[in-house]
Amino acid sequence: MVRLRALLLACLVGAILIAVPALAAEHKEKKEKAVPDITGVWKGMSDTVSMGKTSHVEPSDSPKFQHMDWTLTIDKQDGPNFSGTKASAKGKEAVVGVLDGAMVFMADDDGTCFGKLTGKNTMIVKYLEAGKDSKVASVTHFRREAAPEAKTPAAQ
């Protein structure tokens, strides 16, 4: 009887030792595959330096240091891919982008952005535009105005 209990206990411990790593790996895979929904209207202020002829500030032959308000509207998302617009008081441009985990990569008409989601409704985006006629470098801290409502099974 003691041997039978010891054998059953050994089998139970063995099953647990096999199951726990497999369950942990499955949980990790699901977590890594989850893509955050970033659709919505994001507002932010940038710290910017620009020079030359740009679409969002007055032309300047020397570097201009400024703070600018921005609105990033992401209206379409398919998995990690998204599109929308970015706008300042002076202009509006189309953007396309992709998420890689918490990393954000975007391109607009004349520059590229890379950044990071820092929370469900916050992100930091760095923008670079390099060209003969214009140069821009900026960092913008964005906050989403309203997160999209979660879709319920009945609403889908």
C-alpha atoms as a PDB file:
ATOM      1  CA  MET A   1       0.000   0.000   0.000  1.00  0.00           C
ATOM      2  CA  VAL A   2       2.838   2.413   0.842  1.00  0.00           C
ATOM      3  CA  ARG A   3       4.515   1.580  -2.466  1.00  0.00           C
ATOM      4  CA  LEU A   4       1.285   2.235  -4.363  1.00  0.00           C
ATOM      5  CA  ARG A   5       0.901   5.647  -2.709  1.00  0.00           C
ATOM      6  CA  ALA A   6       4.534   6.501  -3.467  1.00  0.00           C
ATOM      7  CA  LEU A   7       4.055   5.453  -7.100  1.00  0.00           C
ATOM      8  CA  LEU A   8       0.871   7.548  -7.434  1.00  0.00           C
ATOM      9  CA  LEU A   9       2.570  10.521  -5.820  1.00  0.00           C
ATOM     10  CA  ALA A  10       5.560  10.189  -8.176  1.00  0.00           C
ATOM     11  CA  CYS A  11       3.214  10.031 -11.191  1.00  0.00           C
ATOM     12  CA  LEU A  12       1.335  13.123  -9.998  1.00  0.00           C
ATOM     13  CA  VAL A  13       4.541  15.102  -9.451  1.00  0.00           C
ATOM     14  CA  GLY A  14       5.824  14.013 -12.882  1.00  0.00           C
ATOM     15  CA  ALA A  15       2.597  15.118 -14.572  1.00  0.00           C
ATOM     16  CA  ILE A  16       2.786  18.517 -12.864  1.00  0.00           C
ATOM     17  CA  LEU A  17       6.423  18.979 -13.848  1.00  0.00           C
ATOM     18  CA  ILE A  18       5.526  18.262 -17.482  1.00  0.00           C
ATOM     19  CA  ALA A  19       2.318  20.339 -17.594  1.00  0.00           C
ATOM     20  CA  VAL A  20       3.485  23.571 -15.934  1.00  0.00           C
ATOM     21  CA  PRO A  21       6.201  24.516 -18.486  1.00  0.00           C
ATOM     22  CA  ALA A  22       3.869  23.672 -21.372  1.00  0.00           C
ATOM     23  CA  LEU A  23       1.105  25.879 -19.935  1.00  0.00           C
ATOM     24  CA  ALA A  24       3.586  28.714 -19.291  1.00  0.00           C
ATOM     25  CA  ALA A  25       4.859  28.546 -22.884  1.00  0.00           C
ATOM     26  CA  GLU A  26       1.282  28.628 -24.233  1.00  0.00           C
ATOM     27  CA  HIS A  27       0.478  31.681 -22.077  1.00  0.00           C
ATOM     28  CA  LYS A  28       3.651  33.440 -23.282  1.00  0.00           C
ATOM     29  CA  GLU A  29       2.790  32.762 -26.950  1.00  0.00           C
ATOM     30  CA  LYS A  30      -0.730  34.169 -26.519  1.00  0.00           C
ATOM     31  CA  LYS A  31       0.615  37.254 -24.766  1.00  0.00           C
ATOM     32  CA  GLU A  32       3.230  37.890 -27.492  1.00  0.00           C
ATOM     33  CA  LYS A  33       0.627  37.541 -30.263  1.00  0.00           C
ATOM     34  CA  ALA A  34      -1.778  40.049 -28.687  1.00  0.00           C
ATOM     35  CA  VAL A  35      -1.716  43.262 -30.735  1.00  0.00           C
ATOM     36  CA  PRO A  36      -2.982  46.377 -28.962  1.00  0.00           C
ATOM     37  CA  ASP A  37      -5.794  48.383 -30.548  1.00  0.00           C
ATOM     38  CA  ILE A  38      -4.370  51.859 -31.156  1.00  0.00           C
ATOM     39  CA  THR A  39      -7.258  53.303 -33.163  1.00  0.00           C
ATOM     40  CA  GLY A  40      -8.588  56.641 -32.026  1.00  0.00           C
ATOM     41  CA  VAL A  41      -7.557  60.264 -31.710  1.00  0.00           C
ATOM     42  CA  TRP A  42      -4.211  60.951 -30.047  1.00  0.00           C
ATOM     43  CA  LYS A  43      -3.174  64.479 -29.016  1.00  0.00           C
ATOM     44  CA  GLY A  44       0.316  65.619 -28.135  1.00  0.00           C
ATOM     45  CA  MET A  45       2.877  68.395 -27.997  1.00  0.00           C
ATOM     46  CA  SER A  46       6.275  68.086 -29.612  1.00  0.00           C
ATOM     47  CA  ASP A  47       9.675  69.494 -28.858  1.00  0.00           C
ATOM     48  CA  THR A  48      10.894  70.258 -32.381  1.00  0.00           C
ATOM     49  CA  VAL A  49      13.845  71.700 -34.206  1.00  0.00           C
ATOM     50  CA  SER A  50      13.373  72.401 -37.919  1.00  0.00           C
ATOM     51  CA  MET A  51      15.175  74.116 -40.742  1.00  0.00           C
ATOM     52  CA  GLY A  52      14.329  74.797 -44.374  1.00  0.00           C
ATOM     53  CA  LYS A  53      10.971  74.565 -46.090  1.00  0.00           C
ATOM     54  CA  THR A  54       8.655  72.267 -44.138  1.00  0.00           C
ATOM     55  CA  SER A  55       4.922  71.692 -44.375  1.00  0.00           C
ATOM     56  CA  HIS A  56       4.102  72.413 -40.712  1.00  0.00           C
ATOM     57  CA  VAL A  57       6.183  75.516 -39.852  1.00  0.00           C
ATOM     58  CA  GLU A  58       7.269  78.734 -41.535  1.00  0.00           C
ATOM     59  CA  PRO A  59      10.392  78.321 -43.709  1.00  0.00           C
ATOM     60  CA  SER A  60      13.684  79.210 -42.050  1.00  0.00           C
ATOM     61  CA  ASP A  61      17.326  79.225 -43.154  1.00  0.00           C
ATOM     62  CA  SER A  62      18.441  78.682 -39.569  1.00  0.00           C
ATOM     63  CA  PRO A  63      17.278  76.136 -36.977  1.00  0.00           C
ATOM     64  CA  LYS A  64      13.941  76.972 -35.303  1.00  0.00           C
ATOM     65  CA  PHE A  65      13.236  75.530 -31.847  1.00  0.00           C
ATOM     66  CA  GLN A  66       9.554  75.214 -31.032  1.00  0.00           C
ATOM     67  CA  HIS A  67       6.729  73.383 -29.332  1.00  0.00           C
ATOM     68  CA  MET A  68       3.890  72.223 -31.558  1.00  0.00           C
ATOM     69  CA  ASP A  69       0.467  70.681 -30.943  1.00  0.00           C
ATOM     70  CA  TRP A  70      -0.313  67.539 -32.965  1.00  0.00           C
ATOM     71  CA  THR A  71      -3.317  65.324 -33.568  1.00  0.00           C
ATOM     72  CA  LEU A  72      -2.680  61.759 -34.697  1.00  0.00           C
ATOM     73  CA  THR A  73      -5.852  60.016 -35.862  1.00  0.00           C
ATOM     74  CA  ILE A  74      -5.575  56.278 -36.427  1.00  0.00           C
ATOM     75  CA  ASP A  75      -8.785  55.254 -38.151  1.00  0.00           C
ATOM     76  CA  LYS A  76      -7.871  51.844 -39.615  1.00  0.00           C
ATOM     77  CA  GLN A  77      -6.030  48.915 -38.085  1.00  0.00           C
ATOM     78  CA  ASP A  78      -5.564  45.351 -39.301  1.00  0.00           C
ATOM     79  CA  GLY A  79      -3.476  43.397 -36.823  1.00  0.00           C
ATOM     80  CA  PRO A  80      -0.218  45.283 -36.354  1.00  0.00           C
ATOM     81  CA  ASN A  81      -0.738  47.437 -39.487  1.00  0.00           C
ATOM     82  CA  PHE A  82      -2.521  50.802 -39.289  1.00  0.00           C
ATOM     83  CA  SER A  83      -3.205  54.026 -41.176  1.00  0.00           C
ATOM     84  CA  GLY A  84      -4.572  57.479 -40.506  1.00  0.00           C
ATOM     85  CA  THR A  85      -3.522  61.123 -40.456  1.00  0.00           C
ATOM     86  CA  LYS A  86      -1.316  63.473 -38.462  1.00  0.00           C
ATOM     87  CA  ALA A  87      -2.197  67.147 -38.296  1.00  0.00           C
ATOM     88  CA  SER A  88      -0.804  70.383 -36.929  1.00  0.00           C
ATOM     89  CA  ALA A  89      -2.250  73.894 -37.085  1.00  0.00           C
ATOM     90  CA  LYS A  90      -0.535  74.323 -40.499  1.00  0.00           C
ATOM     91  CA  GLY A  91      -1.213  71.049 -42.304  1.00  0.00           C
ATOM     92  CA  LYS A  92      -2.333  67.448 -42.445  1.00  0.00           C
ATOM     93  CA  GLU A  93      -0.610  64.331 -43.841  1.00  0.00           C
ATOM     94  CA  ALA A  94      -1.503  60.685 -44.346  1.00  0.00           C
ATOM     95  CA  VAL A  95       0.420  58.170 -42.227  1.00  0.00           C
ATOM     96  CA  VAL A  96       0.891  54.420 -42.458  1.00  0.00           C
ATOM     97  CA  GLY A  97       2.454  52.333 -39.767  1.00  0.00           C
ATOM     98  CA  VAL A  98       3.115  49.036 -38.098  1.00  0.00           C
ATOM     99  CA  LEU A  99       3.426  47.820 -34.519  1.00  0.00           C
ATOM    100  CA  ASP A 100       6.129  45.427 -33.345  1.00  0.00           C
ATOM    101  CA  GLY A 101       5.181  44.636 -29.785  1.00  0.00           C
ATOM    102  CA  ALA A 102       5.179  48.020 -28.052  1.00  0.00           C
ATOM    103  CA  MET A 103       7.330  49.599 -30.775  1.00  0.00           C
ATOM    104  CA  VAL A 104       5.595  51.945 -33.255  1.00  0.00           C
ATOM    105  CA  PHE A 105       6.920  52.680 -36.758  1.00  0.00           C
ATOM    106  CA  MET A 106       5.252  55.197 -39.120  1.00  0.00           C
ATOM    107  CA  ALA A 107       5.897  56.995 -42.399  1.00  0.00           C
ATOM    108  CA  ASP A 108       4.239  60.172 -43.666  1.00  0.00           C
ATOM    109  CA  ASP A 109       4.684  62.217 -46.855  1.00  0.00           C
ATOM    110  CA  ASP A 110       8.276  63.202 -46.151  1.00  0.00           C
ATOM    111  CA  GLY A 111       9.585  61.623 -42.952  1.00  0.00           C
ATOM    112  CA  THR A 112       9.617  58.648 -40.629  1.00  0.00           C
ATOM    113  CA  CYS A 113       8.543  58.092 -37.047  1.00  0.00           C
ATOM    114  CA  PHE A 114       9.516  55.526 -34.516  1.00  0.00           C
ATOM    115  CA  GLY A 115       8.259  55.304 -31.003  1.00  0.00           C
ATOM    116  CA  LYS A 116       6.902  53.234 -28.184  1.00  0.00           C
ATOM    117  CA  LEU A 117       3.548  52.615 -26.570  1.00  0.00           C
ATOM    118  CA  THR A 118       4.144  53.571 -22.938  1.00  0.00           C
ATOM    119  CA  GLY A 119       0.645  52.684 -21.753  1.00  0.00           C
ATOM    120  CA  LYS A 120      -2.785  51.798 -23.093  1.00  0.00           C
ATOM    121  CA  ASN A 121      -3.439  55.456 -23.942  1.00  0.00           C
ATOM    122  CA  THR A 122       0.062  56.951 -24.134  1.00  0.00           C
ATOM    123  CA  MET A 123       2.951  56.796 -26.568  1.00  0.00           C
ATOM    124  CA  ILE A 124       6.162  58.642 -27.340  1.00  0.00           C
ATOM    125  CA  VAL A 125       6.957  59.237 -31.022  1.00  0.00           C
ATOM    126  CA  LYS A 126      10.234  60.496 -32.489  1.00  0.00           C
ATOM    127  CA  TYR A 127      10.081  62.049 -35.969  1.00  0.00           C
ATOM    128  CA  LEU A 128      12.919  62.568 -38.423  1.00  0.00           C
ATOM    129  CA  GLU A 129      12.848  64.302 -41.783  1.00  0.00           C
ATOM    130  CA  ALA A 130      16.138  64.604 -43.638  1.00  0.00           C
ATOM    131  CA  GLY A 131      16.471  66.260 -47.017  1.00  0.00           C
ATOM    132  CA  LYS A 132      18.227  68.954 -48.974  1.00  0.00           C
ATOM    133  CA  ASP A 133      15.273  71.348 -48.639  1.00  0.00           C
ATOM    134  CA  SER A 134      14.123  70.491 -45.112  1.00  0.00           C
ATOM    135  CA  LYS A 135      15.312  68.956 -41.877  1.00  0.00           C
ATOM    136  CA  VAL A 136      13.207  68.154 -38.813  1.00  0.00           C
ATOM    137  CA  ALA A 137      13.782  66.294 -35.558  1.00  0.00           C
ATOM    138  CA  SER A 138      11.097  66.075 -32.892  1.00  0.00           C
ATOM    139  CA  VAL A 139       9.776  64.114 -29.951  1.00  0.00           C
ATOM    140  CA  THR A 140       6.039  64.060 -29.220  1.00  0.00           C
ATOM    141  CA  HIS A 141       4.285  62.672 -26.156  1.00  0.00           C
ATOM    142  CA  PHE A 142       0.822  61.540 -27.250  1.00  0.00           C
ATOM    143  CA  ARG A 143      -2.237  60.745 -25.132  1.00  0.00           C
ATOM    144  CA  ARG A 144      -5.310  59.082 -26.612  1.00  0.00           C
ATOM    145  CA  GLU A 145      -8.427  61.180 -26.057  1.00  0.00           C
ATOM    146  CA  ALA A 146     -10.769  58.203 -25.737  1.00  0.00           C
ATOM    147  CA  ALA A 147      -9.895  54.542 -26.036  1.00  0.00           C
ATOM    148  CA  PRO A 148     -12.149  52.603 -28.392  1.00  0.00           C
ATOM    149  CA  GLU A 149     -14.855  50.653 -26.639  1.00  0.00           C
ATOM    150  CA  ALA A 150     -14.256  46.934 -26.329  1.00  0.00           C
ATOM    151  CA  LYS A 151     -16.315  44.918 -28.796  1.00  0.00           C
ATOM    152  CA  THR A 152     -18.716  42.531 -27.178  1.00  0.00           C
ATOM    153  CA  PRO A 153     -19.696  39.234 -28.860  1.00  0.00           C
ATOM    154  CA  ALA A 154     -23.199  40.638 -29.499  1.00  0.00           C
ATOM    155  CA  ALA A 155     -21.766  43.742 -31.192  1.00  0.00           C
ATOM    156  CA  GLN A 156     -19.522  41.804 -33.548  1.00  0.00           C
END
